N, C-alpha and C. Protein backbone atom coordinates (compact mmCIF):
# COMPACT_ATOMS: atom_id res chain seq x y z
N ALA A 1 0.83 -1.19 0.00
CA ALA A 1 0.00 0.00 0.00
C ALA A 1 0.87 1.25 0.00
N PHE A 2 1.89 1.25 0.88
CA PHE A 2 2.75 2.42 0.96
C PHE A 2 3.54 2.62 -0.34
N THR A 3 4.07 1.54 -0.88
CA THR A 3 4.87 1.62 -2.09
C THR A 3 4.01 2.04 -3.28
N LEU A 4 2.82 1.48 -3.39
CA LEU A 4 1.92 1.86 -4.49
C LEU A 4 1.57 3.34 -4.40
N LYS A 5 1.32 3.83 -3.21
CA LYS A 5 0.98 5.24 -3.04
C LYS A 5 2.18 6.13 -3.37
N LEU A 6 3.39 5.68 -2.99
CA LEU A 6 4.61 6.44 -3.26
C LEU A 6 4.82 6.68 -4.75
N PHE A 7 4.51 5.67 -5.55
CA PHE A 7 4.75 5.78 -6.99
C PHE A 7 3.48 6.10 -7.80
N SER A 8 2.43 6.55 -7.12
CA SER A 8 1.21 6.94 -7.83
C SER A 8 1.39 8.32 -8.45
N THR A 9 0.42 8.76 -9.24
CA THR A 9 0.53 10.04 -9.94
C THR A 9 0.54 11.23 -8.98
N ASN A 10 -0.15 11.12 -7.85
CA ASN A 10 -0.16 12.20 -6.86
C ASN A 10 0.01 11.59 -5.47
N PRO A 11 1.26 11.32 -5.06
CA PRO A 11 1.50 10.59 -3.81
C PRO A 11 1.08 11.34 -2.55
N LEU A 12 0.92 12.64 -2.60
CA LEU A 12 0.57 13.39 -1.39
C LEU A 12 -0.93 13.58 -1.21
N GLN A 13 -1.69 13.32 -2.26
CA GLN A 13 -3.14 13.53 -2.18
C GLN A 13 -3.78 12.42 -1.35
N SER A 14 -4.46 12.79 -0.31
CA SER A 14 -5.22 11.90 0.60
C SER A 14 -4.45 10.63 0.96
N ILE A 15 -3.21 10.80 1.37
CA ILE A 15 -2.35 9.65 1.69
C ILE A 15 -2.93 8.82 2.83
N PHE A 16 -3.39 9.47 3.89
CA PHE A 16 -3.88 8.72 5.03
C PHE A 16 -5.20 8.02 4.73
N THR A 17 -6.02 8.65 3.93
CA THR A 17 -7.29 8.04 3.56
C THR A 17 -7.08 6.79 2.72
N SER A 18 -6.23 6.88 1.70
CA SER A 18 -6.06 5.72 0.82
C SER A 18 -5.29 4.59 1.51
N ILE A 19 -4.26 4.91 2.27
CA ILE A 19 -3.52 3.85 2.97
C ILE A 19 -4.36 3.27 4.09
N GLY A 20 -5.10 4.12 4.79
CA GLY A 20 -5.99 3.63 5.84
C GLY A 20 -7.05 2.69 5.29
N ALA A 21 -7.63 3.06 4.16
CA ALA A 21 -8.64 2.20 3.53
C ALA A 21 -8.03 0.87 3.11
N THR A 22 -6.82 0.91 2.60
CA THR A 22 -6.14 -0.33 2.20
C THR A 22 -5.88 -1.22 3.41
N LEU A 23 -5.39 -0.65 4.48
CA LEU A 23 -5.09 -1.43 5.68
C LEU A 23 -6.36 -2.01 6.31
N ILE A 24 -7.43 -1.23 6.32
CA ILE A 24 -8.70 -1.75 6.84
C ILE A 24 -9.17 -2.92 5.98
N THR A 25 -9.07 -2.77 4.67
CA THR A 25 -9.50 -3.83 3.77
C THR A 25 -8.73 -5.12 4.00
N ILE A 26 -7.44 -4.99 4.23
CA ILE A 26 -6.59 -6.17 4.41
C ILE A 26 -6.80 -6.83 5.77
N THR A 27 -7.05 -6.03 6.82
CA THR A 27 -7.08 -6.57 8.18
C THR A 27 -8.47 -6.78 8.76
N TYR A 28 -9.48 -6.17 8.20
CA TYR A 28 -10.83 -6.18 8.78
C TYR A 28 -11.34 -7.60 9.07
N ILE A 29 -11.44 -8.42 8.07
CA ILE A 29 -11.99 -9.77 8.25
C ILE A 29 -11.05 -10.67 9.05
N PRO A 30 -9.75 -10.76 8.69
CA PRO A 30 -8.87 -11.65 9.48
C PRO A 30 -8.78 -11.27 10.95
N LEU A 31 -8.73 -10.00 11.26
CA LEU A 31 -8.60 -9.57 12.65
C LEU A 31 -9.85 -9.93 13.45
N LEU A 32 -11.02 -9.63 12.91
CA LEU A 32 -12.25 -9.90 13.64
C LEU A 32 -12.59 -11.39 13.72
N LEU A 33 -12.19 -12.15 12.72
CA LEU A 33 -12.48 -13.60 12.76
C LEU A 33 -11.36 -14.43 13.38
N SER A 34 -10.26 -13.79 13.77
CA SER A 34 -9.14 -14.55 14.33
C SER A 34 -9.50 -15.40 15.55
N PRO A 35 -10.44 -15.00 16.40
CA PRO A 35 -10.79 -15.87 17.54
C PRO A 35 -11.55 -17.14 17.15
N ILE A 36 -11.93 -17.28 15.88
CA ILE A 36 -12.74 -18.44 15.50
C ILE A 36 -11.96 -19.75 15.63
N LEU A 37 -10.66 -19.73 15.40
CA LEU A 37 -9.87 -20.96 15.50
C LEU A 37 -9.81 -21.48 16.93
N PRO A 38 -9.46 -20.65 17.93
CA PRO A 38 -9.48 -21.18 19.29
C PRO A 38 -10.87 -21.62 19.74
N LEU A 39 -11.90 -20.93 19.25
CA LEU A 39 -13.27 -21.34 19.58
C LEU A 39 -13.57 -22.71 18.99
N GLN A 40 -13.17 -22.92 17.75
CA GLN A 40 -13.43 -24.18 17.07
C GLN A 40 -12.70 -25.33 17.75
N ILE A 41 -11.48 -25.09 18.19
CA ILE A 41 -10.67 -26.16 18.77
C ILE A 41 -11.14 -26.52 20.18
N LYS A 42 -11.33 -25.51 21.02
CA LYS A 42 -11.59 -25.79 22.44
C LYS A 42 -13.03 -25.56 22.88
N TYR A 43 -13.75 -24.69 22.19
CA TYR A 43 -15.10 -24.33 22.62
C TYR A 43 -16.09 -24.43 21.47
N THR A 44 -16.12 -25.57 20.82
CA THR A 44 -16.98 -25.78 19.66
C THR A 44 -18.45 -25.49 19.98
N ASN A 45 -18.88 -25.89 21.16
CA ASN A 45 -20.26 -25.68 21.57
C ASN A 45 -20.63 -24.19 21.54
N TYR A 46 -19.73 -23.33 21.99
CA TYR A 46 -19.98 -21.89 21.98
C TYR A 46 -19.99 -21.34 20.55
N LEU A 47 -19.13 -21.85 19.71
CA LEU A 47 -19.10 -21.40 18.32
C LEU A 47 -20.40 -21.78 17.61
N ILE A 48 -20.85 -23.00 17.79
CA ILE A 48 -22.11 -23.44 17.17
C ILE A 48 -23.28 -22.62 17.72
N PHE A 49 -23.27 -22.38 19.02
CA PHE A 49 -24.29 -21.54 19.65
C PHE A 49 -24.33 -20.16 18.99
N THR A 50 -23.16 -19.56 18.83
CA THR A 50 -23.06 -18.23 18.21
C THR A 50 -23.60 -18.24 16.79
N LEU A 51 -23.23 -19.26 16.02
CA LEU A 51 -23.72 -19.37 14.65
C LEU A 51 -25.24 -19.46 14.61
N PHE A 52 -25.81 -20.33 15.45
CA PHE A 52 -27.27 -20.48 15.47
C PHE A 52 -27.97 -19.18 15.86
N VAL A 53 -27.44 -18.50 16.88
CA VAL A 53 -28.06 -17.25 17.33
C VAL A 53 -27.98 -16.19 16.24
N ILE A 54 -26.82 -16.08 15.59
CA ILE A 54 -26.66 -15.10 14.51
C ILE A 54 -27.60 -15.41 13.34
N TRP A 55 -27.64 -16.66 12.92
CA TRP A 55 -28.51 -17.03 11.80
C TRP A 55 -29.98 -16.77 12.14
N ALA A 56 -30.39 -17.13 13.34
CA ALA A 56 -31.78 -16.92 13.74
C ALA A 56 -32.10 -15.43 13.85
N SER A 57 -31.20 -14.67 14.43
CA SER A 57 -31.48 -13.24 14.58
C SER A 57 -31.48 -12.53 13.23
N ASP A 58 -30.55 -12.88 12.34
CA ASP A 58 -30.53 -12.28 11.00
C ASP A 58 -31.80 -12.62 10.22
N SER A 59 -32.20 -13.88 10.27
CA SER A 59 -33.41 -14.30 9.54
C SER A 59 -34.66 -13.64 10.11
N SER A 60 -34.72 -13.55 11.44
CA SER A 60 -35.87 -12.91 12.09
C SER A 60 -35.91 -11.42 11.78
N ALA A 61 -34.76 -10.79 11.75
CA ALA A 61 -34.71 -9.36 11.42
C ALA A 61 -35.25 -9.13 10.01
N LEU A 62 -34.85 -9.98 9.09
CA LEU A 62 -35.32 -9.86 7.71
C LEU A 62 -36.83 -10.05 7.65
N PHE A 63 -37.34 -11.09 8.29
CA PHE A 63 -38.78 -11.38 8.27
C PHE A 63 -39.58 -10.25 8.92
N PHE A 64 -39.22 -9.89 10.16
CA PHE A 64 -39.96 -8.85 10.88
C PHE A 64 -39.86 -7.50 10.15
N GLY A 65 -38.67 -7.20 9.65
CA GLY A 65 -38.49 -5.93 8.95
C GLY A 65 -39.30 -5.86 7.68
N LYS A 66 -39.33 -6.97 6.95
CA LYS A 66 -40.04 -7.00 5.67
C LYS A 66 -41.56 -6.91 5.86
N TYR A 67 -42.08 -7.63 6.84
CA TYR A 67 -43.53 -7.71 6.98
C TYR A 67 -44.12 -6.75 8.00
N LEU A 68 -43.32 -6.30 8.97
CA LEU A 68 -43.85 -5.41 9.99
C LEU A 68 -43.12 -4.07 10.06
N GLY A 69 -42.03 -3.95 9.32
CA GLY A 69 -41.18 -2.77 9.42
C GLY A 69 -41.83 -1.48 8.93
N LYS A 70 -41.81 -0.49 9.80
CA LYS A 70 -42.36 0.82 9.46
C LYS A 70 -41.34 1.93 9.75
N ARG A 71 -40.61 1.79 10.86
CA ARG A 71 -39.69 2.86 11.29
C ARG A 71 -38.26 2.50 10.92
N SER A 72 -37.60 3.39 10.22
CA SER A 72 -36.23 3.17 9.81
C SER A 72 -35.31 3.16 11.02
N LEU A 73 -34.39 2.22 11.03
CA LEU A 73 -33.44 2.09 12.13
C LEU A 73 -32.32 3.12 12.02
N TYR A 74 -31.74 3.24 10.83
CA TYR A 74 -30.61 4.15 10.61
C TYR A 74 -30.60 4.49 9.12
N LYS A 75 -31.49 5.38 8.75
CA LYS A 75 -31.80 5.64 7.34
C LYS A 75 -30.57 5.99 6.49
N ILE A 76 -29.67 6.79 7.01
CA ILE A 76 -28.52 7.24 6.22
C ILE A 76 -27.56 6.08 5.90
N ILE A 77 -27.51 5.09 6.75
CA ILE A 77 -26.61 3.94 6.56
C ILE A 77 -27.30 2.82 5.80
N SER A 78 -28.51 2.48 6.23
CA SER A 78 -29.22 1.37 5.61
C SER A 78 -30.73 1.64 5.64
N PRO A 79 -31.27 2.25 4.58
CA PRO A 79 -32.67 2.68 4.59
C PRO A 79 -33.70 1.58 4.79
N LYS A 80 -33.37 0.35 4.44
CA LYS A 80 -34.36 -0.73 4.55
C LYS A 80 -34.36 -1.42 5.91
N LYS A 81 -33.36 -1.18 6.73
CA LYS A 81 -33.34 -1.79 8.06
C LYS A 81 -34.28 -1.00 8.97
N THR A 82 -35.09 -1.74 9.73
CA THR A 82 -36.11 -1.10 10.54
C THR A 82 -35.96 -1.44 12.02
N VAL A 83 -36.60 -0.62 12.85
CA VAL A 83 -36.64 -0.87 14.29
C VAL A 83 -37.35 -2.19 14.55
N GLU A 84 -38.41 -2.44 13.82
CA GLU A 84 -39.16 -3.69 13.99
C GLU A 84 -38.30 -4.89 13.63
N GLY A 85 -37.45 -4.75 12.60
CA GLY A 85 -36.52 -5.81 12.24
C GLY A 85 -35.53 -6.08 13.36
N LEU A 86 -35.03 -5.01 13.99
CA LEU A 86 -34.10 -5.18 15.11
C LEU A 86 -34.77 -5.88 16.28
N ILE A 87 -35.98 -5.48 16.60
CA ILE A 87 -36.73 -6.15 17.68
C ILE A 87 -36.95 -7.62 17.32
N GLY A 88 -37.30 -7.88 16.08
CA GLY A 88 -37.48 -9.25 15.61
C GLY A 88 -36.21 -10.07 15.72
N SER A 89 -35.06 -9.43 15.50
CA SER A 89 -33.79 -10.16 15.61
C SER A 89 -33.57 -10.65 17.03
N TYR A 90 -33.93 -9.84 18.01
CA TYR A 90 -33.80 -10.27 19.41
C TYR A 90 -34.79 -11.39 19.71
N PHE A 91 -35.98 -11.26 19.20
CA PHE A 91 -37.01 -12.28 19.41
C PHE A 91 -36.55 -13.63 18.86
N GLY A 92 -36.17 -13.67 17.60
CA GLY A 92 -35.74 -14.93 16.97
C GLY A 92 -34.45 -15.46 17.57
N GLY A 93 -33.50 -14.56 17.85
CA GLY A 93 -32.23 -14.98 18.43
C GLY A 93 -32.41 -15.61 19.80
N PHE A 94 -33.26 -15.01 20.64
CA PHE A 94 -33.48 -15.56 21.98
C PHE A 94 -34.24 -16.88 21.95
N ILE A 95 -35.15 -17.03 21.01
CA ILE A 95 -35.88 -18.31 20.91
C ILE A 95 -34.91 -19.44 20.58
N ILE A 96 -34.08 -19.27 19.57
CA ILE A 96 -33.12 -20.31 19.19
C ILE A 96 -32.09 -20.52 20.30
N ALA A 97 -31.63 -19.43 20.91
CA ALA A 97 -30.65 -19.54 22.00
C ALA A 97 -31.23 -20.34 23.16
N THR A 98 -32.48 -20.10 23.49
CA THR A 98 -33.12 -20.83 24.59
C THR A 98 -33.24 -22.31 24.27
N ILE A 99 -33.66 -22.62 23.06
CA ILE A 99 -33.77 -24.02 22.65
C ILE A 99 -32.40 -24.69 22.70
N TYR A 100 -31.40 -24.03 22.17
CA TYR A 100 -30.04 -24.58 22.17
C TYR A 100 -29.54 -24.79 23.59
N ASN A 101 -29.76 -23.81 24.44
CA ASN A 101 -29.30 -23.90 25.84
C ASN A 101 -30.01 -25.01 26.60
N ASP A 102 -31.25 -25.32 26.24
CA ASP A 102 -31.98 -26.41 26.89
C ASP A 102 -31.34 -27.77 26.58
N TYR A 103 -30.78 -27.92 25.39
CA TYR A 103 -30.17 -29.19 24.99
C TYR A 103 -28.67 -29.26 25.26
N PHE A 104 -27.98 -28.15 25.05
CA PHE A 104 -26.53 -28.10 25.24
C PHE A 104 -26.22 -26.89 26.10
N THR A 105 -26.23 -27.08 27.39
CA THR A 105 -26.09 -25.95 28.31
C THR A 105 -24.86 -25.11 28.00
N ILE A 106 -25.09 -23.85 27.78
CA ILE A 106 -24.03 -22.89 27.50
C ILE A 106 -23.52 -22.30 28.81
N SER A 107 -24.43 -21.81 29.64
CA SER A 107 -24.03 -21.20 30.90
C SER A 107 -25.24 -21.05 31.81
N LYS A 108 -24.98 -20.51 33.00
CA LYS A 108 -26.06 -20.24 33.94
C LYS A 108 -27.01 -19.20 33.33
N LYS A 109 -28.21 -19.13 33.86
CA LYS A 109 -29.25 -18.28 33.26
C LYS A 109 -28.83 -16.83 33.05
N LEU A 110 -28.29 -16.17 34.08
CA LEU A 110 -27.94 -14.76 33.93
C LEU A 110 -26.87 -14.59 32.86
N ASP A 111 -25.82 -15.38 32.90
CA ASP A 111 -24.78 -15.32 31.88
C ASP A 111 -25.35 -15.62 30.50
N PHE A 112 -26.24 -16.58 30.44
CA PHE A 112 -26.85 -16.97 29.17
C PHE A 112 -27.58 -15.78 28.54
N TYR A 113 -28.38 -15.07 29.32
CA TYR A 113 -29.11 -13.93 28.79
C TYR A 113 -28.17 -12.80 28.37
N ILE A 114 -27.14 -12.57 29.16
CA ILE A 114 -26.19 -11.51 28.84
C ILE A 114 -25.45 -11.83 27.54
N ILE A 115 -24.94 -13.06 27.42
CA ILE A 115 -24.17 -13.40 26.23
C ILE A 115 -25.05 -13.46 24.98
N THR A 116 -26.27 -13.93 25.12
CA THR A 116 -27.18 -13.95 23.97
C THR A 116 -27.49 -12.53 23.51
N PHE A 117 -27.78 -11.65 24.47
CA PHE A 117 -28.03 -10.24 24.14
C PHE A 117 -26.80 -9.62 23.46
N ALA A 118 -25.62 -9.92 23.98
CA ALA A 118 -24.38 -9.37 23.42
C ALA A 118 -24.14 -9.87 22.00
N ILE A 119 -24.38 -11.14 21.75
CA ILE A 119 -24.19 -11.71 20.41
C ILE A 119 -25.14 -11.06 19.41
N ILE A 120 -26.40 -10.94 19.76
CA ILE A 120 -27.38 -10.34 18.85
C ILE A 120 -27.06 -8.87 18.61
N THR A 121 -26.68 -8.15 19.66
CA THR A 121 -26.33 -6.74 19.51
C THR A 121 -25.09 -6.57 18.63
N ALA A 122 -24.07 -7.39 18.89
CA ALA A 122 -22.85 -7.33 18.09
C ALA A 122 -23.15 -7.65 16.62
N GLY A 123 -24.03 -8.62 16.40
CA GLY A 123 -24.42 -8.97 15.03
C GLY A 123 -25.11 -7.82 14.32
N ALA A 124 -25.99 -7.14 15.03
CA ALA A 124 -26.70 -5.99 14.44
C ALA A 124 -25.72 -4.86 14.12
N ILE A 125 -24.76 -4.63 15.00
CA ILE A 125 -23.75 -3.60 14.76
C ILE A 125 -22.88 -3.99 13.57
N GLY A 126 -22.48 -5.25 13.50
CA GLY A 126 -21.69 -5.73 12.36
C GLY A 126 -22.41 -5.54 11.04
N ASP A 127 -23.71 -5.78 11.04
CA ASP A 127 -24.52 -5.59 9.84
C ASP A 127 -24.55 -4.12 9.44
N LEU A 128 -24.70 -3.23 10.41
CA LEU A 128 -24.71 -1.80 10.11
C LEU A 128 -23.34 -1.29 9.65
N VAL A 129 -22.28 -1.81 10.25
CA VAL A 129 -20.93 -1.40 9.83
C VAL A 129 -20.69 -1.81 8.38
N GLU A 130 -21.08 -3.02 8.04
CA GLU A 130 -20.91 -3.49 6.66
C GLU A 130 -21.74 -2.64 5.70
N SER A 131 -22.95 -2.27 6.11
CA SER A 131 -23.78 -1.38 5.29
C SER A 131 -23.12 -0.01 5.13
N MET A 132 -22.48 0.46 6.20
CA MET A 132 -21.78 1.74 6.14
C MET A 132 -20.63 1.67 5.13
N PHE A 133 -19.87 0.57 5.15
CA PHE A 133 -18.79 0.40 4.18
C PHE A 133 -19.34 0.44 2.75
N LYS A 134 -20.40 -0.33 2.51
CA LYS A 134 -20.98 -0.37 1.16
C LYS A 134 -21.52 0.99 0.74
N ARG A 135 -22.21 1.66 1.65
CA ARG A 135 -22.80 2.96 1.33
C ARG A 135 -21.69 3.98 1.03
N SER A 136 -20.59 3.94 1.79
CA SER A 136 -19.50 4.90 1.55
C SER A 136 -18.81 4.65 0.21
N CYS A 137 -18.89 3.42 -0.30
CA CYS A 137 -18.30 3.09 -1.60
C CYS A 137 -19.31 3.14 -2.73
N ASN A 138 -20.56 3.51 -2.40
CA ASN A 138 -21.65 3.59 -3.38
C ASN A 138 -21.89 2.27 -4.10
N VAL A 139 -21.88 1.17 -3.35
CA VAL A 139 -22.20 -0.13 -3.93
C VAL A 139 -23.38 -0.73 -3.18
N LYS A 140 -24.18 -1.48 -3.89
CA LYS A 140 -25.33 -2.14 -3.27
C LYS A 140 -24.94 -3.47 -2.67
N ASP A 141 -24.16 -4.25 -3.41
CA ASP A 141 -23.74 -5.57 -2.96
C ASP A 141 -22.22 -5.60 -2.82
N SER A 142 -21.75 -6.39 -1.85
CA SER A 142 -20.30 -6.47 -1.63
C SER A 142 -19.64 -7.50 -2.54
N GLY A 143 -20.40 -8.07 -3.45
CA GLY A 143 -19.85 -9.03 -4.41
C GLY A 143 -20.95 -9.79 -5.10
N GLN A 144 -20.59 -10.58 -6.09
CA GLN A 144 -21.56 -11.35 -6.88
C GLN A 144 -21.41 -12.85 -6.70
N VAL A 145 -20.66 -13.29 -5.68
CA VAL A 145 -20.46 -14.72 -5.46
C VAL A 145 -21.78 -15.43 -5.22
N ILE A 146 -22.66 -14.78 -4.44
CA ILE A 146 -23.99 -15.33 -4.17
C ILE A 146 -25.00 -14.31 -4.69
N PRO A 147 -25.39 -14.40 -5.97
CA PRO A 147 -26.28 -13.39 -6.56
C PRO A 147 -27.59 -13.23 -5.78
N GLY A 148 -27.99 -11.98 -5.57
CA GLY A 148 -29.25 -11.69 -4.90
C GLY A 148 -29.17 -11.70 -3.38
N HIS A 149 -27.98 -11.95 -2.84
CA HIS A 149 -27.83 -12.02 -1.38
C HIS A 149 -26.91 -10.94 -0.84
N GLY A 150 -26.56 -9.94 -1.63
CA GLY A 150 -25.76 -8.84 -1.14
C GLY A 150 -24.27 -9.08 -1.10
N GLY A 151 -23.84 -10.24 -1.49
CA GLY A 151 -22.42 -10.53 -1.50
C GLY A 151 -21.99 -11.38 -0.31
N LEU A 152 -20.78 -11.87 -0.39
CA LEU A 152 -20.24 -12.75 0.64
C LEU A 152 -20.10 -12.06 1.98
N LEU A 153 -19.71 -10.80 1.98
CA LEU A 153 -19.55 -10.06 3.22
C LEU A 153 -20.87 -9.94 3.98
N ASP A 154 -21.98 -9.87 3.25
CA ASP A 154 -23.29 -9.83 3.89
C ASP A 154 -23.61 -11.12 4.66
N LYS A 155 -22.98 -12.21 4.28
CA LYS A 155 -23.23 -13.49 4.95
C LYS A 155 -22.45 -13.63 6.25
N ILE A 156 -21.38 -12.84 6.39
CA ILE A 156 -20.57 -12.99 7.60
C ILE A 156 -20.47 -11.70 8.42
N ASP A 157 -21.13 -10.62 8.01
CA ASP A 157 -20.98 -9.34 8.70
C ASP A 157 -21.35 -9.42 10.18
N SER A 158 -22.43 -10.08 10.51
CA SER A 158 -22.83 -10.22 11.91
C SER A 158 -21.84 -11.08 12.69
N LEU A 159 -21.37 -12.11 12.05
CA LEU A 159 -20.42 -13.02 12.68
C LEU A 159 -19.10 -12.32 13.00
N LEU A 160 -18.70 -11.39 12.14
CA LEU A 160 -17.44 -10.67 12.36
C LEU A 160 -17.41 -9.96 13.70
N PHE A 161 -18.53 -9.48 14.15
CA PHE A 161 -18.57 -8.77 15.42
C PHE A 161 -18.98 -9.68 16.58
N ALA A 162 -19.69 -10.76 16.29
CA ALA A 162 -20.15 -11.66 17.36
C ALA A 162 -19.04 -12.60 17.84
N VAL A 163 -18.19 -13.07 16.93
CA VAL A 163 -17.13 -14.01 17.31
C VAL A 163 -16.19 -13.42 18.37
N PRO A 164 -15.71 -12.18 18.20
CA PRO A 164 -14.86 -11.63 19.27
C PRO A 164 -15.60 -11.49 20.60
N ILE A 165 -16.89 -11.22 20.56
CA ILE A 165 -17.67 -11.07 21.79
C ILE A 165 -17.73 -12.40 22.54
N ILE A 166 -18.05 -13.49 21.86
CA ILE A 166 -18.14 -14.78 22.53
C ILE A 166 -16.76 -15.22 23.02
N TYR A 167 -15.72 -14.91 22.24
CA TYR A 167 -14.36 -15.25 22.66
C TYR A 167 -13.98 -14.49 23.94
N LEU A 168 -14.26 -13.20 23.98
CA LEU A 168 -13.96 -12.41 25.19
C LEU A 168 -14.76 -12.90 26.39
N TYR A 169 -16.01 -13.27 26.15
CA TYR A 169 -16.84 -13.82 27.23
C TYR A 169 -16.18 -15.07 27.82
N ILE A 170 -15.77 -15.98 26.97
CA ILE A 170 -15.13 -17.21 27.44
C ILE A 170 -13.80 -16.89 28.14
N PHE A 171 -13.03 -16.00 27.55
CA PHE A 171 -11.72 -15.65 28.10
C PHE A 171 -11.86 -15.09 29.53
N PHE A 172 -12.80 -14.19 29.73
CA PHE A 172 -12.97 -13.58 31.05
C PHE A 172 -13.77 -14.45 32.01
N ARG A 173 -14.55 -15.36 31.49
CA ARG A 173 -15.34 -16.25 32.32
C ARG A 173 -14.48 -17.34 32.96
N THR A 174 -13.46 -17.80 32.24
CA THR A 174 -12.66 -18.89 32.77
C THR A 174 -11.44 -18.42 33.54
């Protein structure tokens, strides 16, 4: 990034913006997903729990937002995301989390509610951050690998923020 900028046509123009954008692009996904390996090796149950909660909350947000959504959540970043969709994400996420916890105990009740709330919240923030990236680049989809689904980044945006949360929870809990 530095070398390319040095030999560009105007090396002094917006140097920090272009190099910063390059560094974010290179490190964003690997840095946020780096805790996934220790989770997979030692705490598989927590990783599967996180995946189920994220999938349920994302699906519920889409359903509730599409059919009941009236109030925009953050219009400038993502005009189609609604407050009702966010509420639905908590509803669906907690239902799946409760079912999962009944069969494969994750933690005591208070910890369970806190971590489930944190995962769903982190997922919603990850979704908004990814929308912010796309909006700032004036693109609708982050790629065409999965046509009609917003791109590959849309499939993992919630997970990018939820994985570090569950990892930190386990780290400080033990």
